[in-house]
C-alpha atoms as a PDB file:
ATOM      1  CA  MET A   1     138.366 338.498  52.770  1.00  0.00           C
ATOM      2  CA  ASN A   2     141.626 337.392  54.322  1.00  0.00           C
ATOM      3  CA  LEU A   3     144.633 335.523  52.916  1.00  0.00           C
ATOM      4  CA  ALA A   4     143.463 332.099  54.124  1.00  0.00           C
ATOM      5  CA  GLU A   5     140.141 332.605  52.335  1.00  0.00           C
ATOM      6  CA  PHE A   6     141.934 333.758  49.190  1.00  0.00           C
ATOM      7  CA  ASN A   7     144.141 330.655  49.294  1.00  0.00           C
ATOM      8  CA  GLU A   8     141.005 328.463  49.434  1.00  0.00           C
ATOM      9  CA  LEU A   9     139.065 330.137  46.614  1.00  0.00           C
ATOM     10  CA  PRO A  10     138.315 328.142  43.482  1.00  0.00           C
ATOM     11  CA  ASP A  11     140.832 329.018  40.756  1.00  0.00           C
ATOM     12  CA  GLU A  12     138.412 331.133  38.724  1.00  0.00           C
ATOM     13  CA  SER A  13     137.303 333.115  41.778  1.00  0.00           C
ATOM     14  CA  ALA A  14     140.917 333.771  42.769  1.00  0.00           C
ATOM     15  CA  ARG A  15     141.678 334.861  39.211  1.00  0.00           C
ATOM     16  CA  GLU A  16     138.696 337.254  39.225  1.00  0.00           C
ATOM     17  CA  LEU A  17     139.812 338.752  42.527  1.00  0.00           C
ATOM     18  CA  LEU A  18     143.310 339.268  41.124  1.00  0.00           C
ATOM     19  CA  LEU A  19     141.878 340.847  37.960  1.00  0.00           C
ATOM     20  CA  SER A  20     140.061 343.328  40.192  1.00  0.00           C
ATOM     21  CA  CYS A  21     143.538 344.455  41.301  1.00  0.00           C
ATOM     22  CA  CYS A  22     145.293 344.374  37.914  1.00  0.00           C
ATOM     23  CA  SER A  23     143.712 343.896  34.482  1.00  0.00           C
ATOM     24  CA  ALA A  24     146.353 341.443  33.227  1.00  0.00           C
ATOM     25  CA  PRO A  25     144.784 338.000  32.639  1.00  0.00           C
ATOM     26  CA  ARG A  26     148.028 336.003  32.294  1.00  0.00           C
ATOM     27  CA  TRP A  27     149.401 337.583  35.462  1.00  0.00           C
ATOM     28  CA  ALA A  28     146.201 336.829  37.392  1.00  0.00           C
ATOM     29  CA  SER A  29     146.297 333.195  36.287  1.00  0.00           C
ATOM     30  CA  GLU A  30     149.941 332.776  37.294  1.00  0.00           C
ATOM     31  CA  VAL A  31     149.501 334.408  40.699  1.00  0.00           C
ATOM     32  CA  ALA A  32     146.358 332.359  41.380  1.00  0.00           C
ATOM     33  CA  ALA A  33     148.214 329.168  40.404  1.00  0.00           C
ATOM     34  CA  GLY A  34     150.970 329.982  42.935  1.00  0.00           C
ATOM     35  CA  ARG A  35     148.658 329.590  45.925  1.00  0.00           C
ATOM     36  CA  PRO A  36     148.810 328.989  48.799  1.00  0.00           C
ATOM     37  CA  TYR A  37     150.754 332.009  50.063  1.00  0.00           C
ATOM     38  CA  ALA A  38     151.932 332.128  53.675  1.00  0.00           C
ATOM     39  CA  THR A  39     151.713 335.919  54.007  1.00  0.00           C
ATOM     40  CA  VAL A  40     150.334 338.872  52.083  1.00  0.00           C
ATOM     41  CA  ALA A  41     153.940 340.049  51.701  1.00  0.00           C
ATOM     42  CA  GLN A  42     154.815 336.717  50.040  1.00  0.00           C
ATOM     43  CA  LEU A  43     151.822 337.152  47.726  1.00  0.00           C
ATOM     44  CA  GLY A  44     153.071 340.654  46.884  1.00  0.00           C
ATOM     45  CA  VAL A  45     156.522 339.348  45.966  1.00  0.00           C
ATOM     46  CA  ALA A  46     155.005 336.592  43.821  1.00  0.00           C
ATOM     47  CA  ALA A  47     152.713 339.128  42.153  1.00  0.00           C
ATOM     48  CA  GLU A  48     155.674 341.354  41.310  1.00  0.00           C
ATOM     49  CA  ASP A  49     157.791 338.454  40.076  1.00  0.00           C
ATOM     50  CA  ALA A  50     154.957 337.277  37.821  1.00  0.00           C
ATOM     51  CA  LEU A  51     154.691 340.601  35.926  1.00  0.00           C
ATOM     52  CA  THR A  52     155.867 340.450  32.330  1.00  0.00           C
ATOM     53  CA  ASP A  53     156.039 343.276  29.822  1.00  0.00           C
ATOM     54  CA  SER A  54     152.806 342.097  28.204  1.00  0.00           C
ATOM     55  CA  ASP A  55     151.156 342.072  31.645  1.00  0.00           C
ATOM     56  CA  VAL A  56     152.223 345.670  32.136  1.00  0.00           C
ATOM     57  CA  VAL A  57     150.610 346.584  28.801  1.00  0.00           C
ATOM     58  CA  ASP A  58     147.412 344.809  29.906  1.00  0.00           C
ATOM     59  CA  GLY A  59     147.631 346.392  33.348  1.00  0.00           C
ATOM     60  CA  LEU A  60     147.871 349.891  31.912  1.00  0.00           C
ATOM     61  CA  THR A  61     144.416 349.508  30.362  1.00  0.00           C
ATOM     62  CA  GLY A  62     142.917 349.393  33.841  1.00  0.00           C
ATOM     63  CA  HIS A  63     144.249 352.778  34.952  1.00  0.00           C
ATOM     64  CA  PRO A  64     142.780 356.232  34.336  1.00  0.00           C
ATOM     65  CA  ARG A  65     144.930 359.281  33.780  1.00  0.00           C
ATOM     66  CA  ILE A  66     146.181 360.976  36.922  1.00  0.00           C
ATOM     67  CA  GLY A  67     143.861 363.862  37.708  1.00  0.00           C
ATOM     68  CA  GLU A  68     140.884 362.610  35.702  1.00  0.00           C
ATOM     69  CA  ARG A  69     137.722 361.507  37.435  1.00  0.00           C
ATOM     70  CA  SER A  70     137.251 357.773  37.378  1.00  0.00           C
ATOM     71  CA  SER A  71     134.241 355.540  37.877  1.00  0.00           C
ATOM     72  CA  ASP A  72     136.601 352.973  39.421  1.00  0.00           C
ATOM     73  CA  PRO A  73     136.370 353.342  43.214  1.00  0.00           C
ATOM     74  CA  ARG A  74     139.940 352.036  43.696  1.00  0.00           C
ATOM     75  CA  SER A  75     141.422 354.677  41.420  1.00  0.00           C
ATOM     76  CA  SER A  76     139.250 357.371  42.985  1.00  0.00           C
ATOM     77  CA  ARG A  77     140.459 356.377  46.470  1.00  0.00           C
ATOM     78  CA  GLU A  78     144.089 356.159  45.332  1.00  0.00           C
ATOM     79  CA  GLN A  79     143.887 359.593  43.729  1.00  0.00           C
ATOM     80  CA  SER A  80     141.778 361.184  46.484  1.00  0.00           C
ATOM     81  CA  LYS A  81     144.406 363.799  47.356  1.00  0.00           C
ATOM     82  CA  VAL A  82     144.592 364.849  43.701  1.00  0.00           C
ATOM     83  CA  SER A  83     140.968 365.965  43.823  1.00  0.00           C
ATOM     84  CA  GLU A  84     141.972 368.579  46.415  1.00  0.00           C
ATOM     85  CA  ALA A  85     144.157 370.410  43.861  1.00  0.00           C
ATOM     86  CA  GLY A  86     143.322 373.722  42.281  1.00  0.00           C
ATOM     87  CA  GLU A  87     142.296 374.041  38.665  1.00  0.00           C
ATOM     88  CA  ASP A  88     145.757 375.304  37.663  1.00  0.00           C
ATOM     89  CA  VAL A  89     147.438 372.136  38.941  1.00  0.00           C
ATOM     90  CA  LEU A  90     144.779 369.899  37.383  1.00  0.00           C
ATOM     91  CA  SER A  91     145.270 371.695  34.050  1.00  0.00           C
ATOM     92  CA  ALA A  92     149.030 371.220  34.312  1.00  0.00           C
ATOM     93  CA  LEU A  93     148.465 367.515  35.053  1.00  0.00           C
ATOM     94  CA  ALA A  94     146.229 367.193  31.981  1.00  0.00           C
ATOM     95  CA  GLU A  95     148.902 368.881  29.858  1.00  0.00           C
ATOM     96  CA  GLY A  96     151.595 366.687  31.398  1.00  0.00           C
ATOM     97  CA  ASN A  97     149.527 363.550  30.738  1.00  0.00           C
ATOM     98  CA  ARG A  98     149.251 364.523  27.059  1.00  0.00           C
ATOM     99  CA  ALA A  99     152.996 365.166  26.782  1.00  0.00           C
ATOM    100  CA  TYR A 100     153.777 361.892  28.549  1.00  0.00           C
ATOM    101  CA  GLU A 101     151.483 359.866  26.289  1.00  0.00           C
ATOM    102  CA  GLU A 102     152.979 361.493  23.187  1.00  0.00           C
ATOM    103  CA  ARG A 103     156.492 360.661  24.386  1.00  0.00           C
ATOM    104  CA  PHE A 104     155.922 357.121  25.671  1.00  0.00           C
ATOM    105  CA  GLY A 105     152.719 355.931  23.966  1.00  0.00           C
ATOM    106  CA  HIS A 106     150.853 354.954  27.135  1.00  0.00           C
ATOM    107  CA  VAL A 107     149.201 356.449  30.199  1.00  0.00           C
ATOM    108  CA  TYR A 108     151.380 357.950  32.946  1.00  0.00           C
ATOM    109  CA  LEU A 109     151.270 355.343  35.696  1.00  0.00           C
ATOM    110  CA  VAL A 110     152.304 356.171  39.224  1.00  0.00           C
ATOM    111  CA  CYS A 111     151.322 354.821  42.616  1.00  0.00           C
ATOM    112  CA  ALA A 112     149.241 357.832  43.653  1.00  0.00           C
ATOM    113  CA  SER A 113     147.980 356.615  47.011  1.00  0.00           C
ATOM    114  CA  GLY A 114     148.520 359.264  49.664  1.00  0.00           C
ATOM    115  CA  ARG A 115     150.222 361.663  47.245  1.00  0.00           C
ATOM    116  CA  GLY A 116     149.021 365.115  46.267  1.00  0.00           C
ATOM    117  CA  ALA A 117     148.609 366.516  42.777  1.00  0.00           C
ATOM    118  CA  GLU A 118     151.646 368.797  43.024  1.00  0.00           C
ATOM    119  CA  GLU A 119     153.905 365.881  43.926  1.00  0.00           C
ATOM    120  CA  LEU A 120     152.486 363.701  41.151  1.00  0.00           C
ATOM    121  CA  LEU A 121     152.925 366.535  38.650  1.00  0.00           C
ATOM    122  CA  ALA A 122     156.567 366.966  39.701  1.00  0.00           C
ATOM    123  CA  VAL A 123     157.143 363.204  39.320  1.00  0.00           C
ATOM    124  CA  LEU A 124     155.517 363.275  35.878  1.00  0.00           C
ATOM    125  CA  ARG A 125     157.718 366.159  34.748  1.00  0.00           C
ATOM    126  CA  ASP A 126     160.845 364.395  36.024  1.00  0.00           C
ATOM    127  CA  ARG A 127     159.898 361.171  34.278  1.00  0.00           C
ATOM    128  CA  LEU A 128     159.464 362.949  30.948  1.00  0.00           C
ATOM    129  CA  ASP A 129     163.281 363.133  30.883  1.00  0.00           C
ATOM    130  CA  ASN A 130     163.612 359.329  31.050  1.00  0.00           C
ATOM    131  CA  ASP A 131     164.554 357.353  27.982  1.00  0.00           C
ATOM    132  CA  PRO A 132     161.877 354.816  26.972  1.00  0.00           C
ATOM    133  CA  ALA A 133     163.690 351.786  28.443  1.00  0.00           C
ATOM    134  CA  THR A 134     164.220 353.484  31.797  1.00  0.00           C
ATOM    135  CA  GLU A 135     160.642 354.705  31.867  1.00  0.00           C
ATOM    136  CA  TRP A 136     159.317 351.221  31.133  1.00  0.00           C
ATOM    137  CA  ARG A 137     161.226 349.883  34.160  1.00  0.00           C
ATOM    138  CA  VAL A 138     159.717 352.669  36.275  1.00  0.00           C
ATOM    139  CA  VAL A 139     156.208 351.894  34.986  1.00  0.00           C
ATOM    140  CA  ARG A 140     156.667 348.222  35.802  1.00  0.00           C
ATOM    141  CA  ALA A 141     157.793 349.072  39.342  1.00  0.00           C
ATOM    142  CA  GLU A 142     154.854 351.467  39.791  1.00  0.00           C
ATOM    143  CA  LEU A 143     152.378 348.818  38.620  1.00  0.00           C
ATOM    144  CA  ALA A 144     153.921 346.325  41.045  1.00  0.00           C
ATOM    145  CA  ALA A 145     153.491 348.848  43.885  1.00  0.00           C
ATOM    146  CA  ILE A 146     149.867 349.501  42.913  1.00  0.00           C
ATOM    147  CA  ASN A 147     149.198 345.761  42.732  1.00  0.00           C
ATOM    148  CA  ARG A 148     150.691 345.206  46.193  1.00  0.00           C
ATOM    149  CA  LEU A 149     148.609 348.028  47.640  1.00  0.00           C
ATOM    150  CA  ARG A 150     145.419 346.723  46.056  1.00  0.00           C
ATOM    151  CA  LEU A 151     146.102 343.130  47.084  1.00  0.00           C
ATOM    152  CA  ALA A 152     146.757 344.223  50.662  1.00  0.00           C
ATOM    153  CA  ARG A 153     143.526 346.224  50.713  1.00  0.00           C
ATOM    154  CA  VAL A 154     141.377 343.464  49.259  1.00  0.00           C
ATOM    155  CA  LEU A 155     142.864 341.024  51.772  1.00  0.00           C
ATOM    156  CA  GLY A 156     142.333 343.374  54.699  1.00  0.00           C
ATOM    157  CA  GLU A 157     145.954 344.308  55.326  1.00  0.00           C
ATOM    158  CA  GLN A 158     146.119 348.065  54.778  1.00  0.00           C
ATOM    159  CA  THR A 159     149.811 348.399  55.616  1.00  0.00           C
ATOM    160  CA  ALA A 160     151.276 345.558  53.532  1.00  0.00           C
ATOM    161  CA  VAL A 161     152.208 347.767  50.588  1.00  0.00           C
ATOM    162  CA  THR A 162     155.870 346.979  49.994  1.00  0.00           C
ATOM    163  CA  GLY A 163     156.182 343.531  51.487  1.00  0.00           C
END
C-alpha cells in the first residue's frame, strides 16, 4: 500500500491499518480523521502530535519485552539483532526488564530496529536512572519513533523513519 491508497481508504480500514502500527484506538481514530496527508513524513508528524498519555498506555500493551520472543512479526523484525545475542546478554536483558518494570510500572519501550542487544541493554540501564516524569517523556518519544517506522514500512517507504 502507498500513501495515496491509505488516504483513500474507508475510515474503518484506515483505523485498522493504524492500529496494526500502534494499539491505541483513540490515536488511530484521530490520525485517520486527519487524512489526506501529502507525505509519509507529514503523516509521521501528525501521528506523533496525536499521541496522548493515554495513547501511550494503550500503545505499550502492543509491545513485547525487549529480548523476548514475540509472535508479532513486526516486533520480531524490529528486534532481529537482539536474537543474535548470547545467553548472558539475554539474561541481563530479562533482569533489566524486571527492574525497569518494578521501577516504572510498564514495559521497557525502545525503538529497537537495527540495534543490538548490548546497545539496548546499555540504554535500559541508563534509563533506570531517570525519574518517572523524564522516563515517561522518553517512552512517548520512543513510541512515536516506532510508530513512524511502522507507518513508513506499511506504506512502502522504508527510510521515512524520522520525518
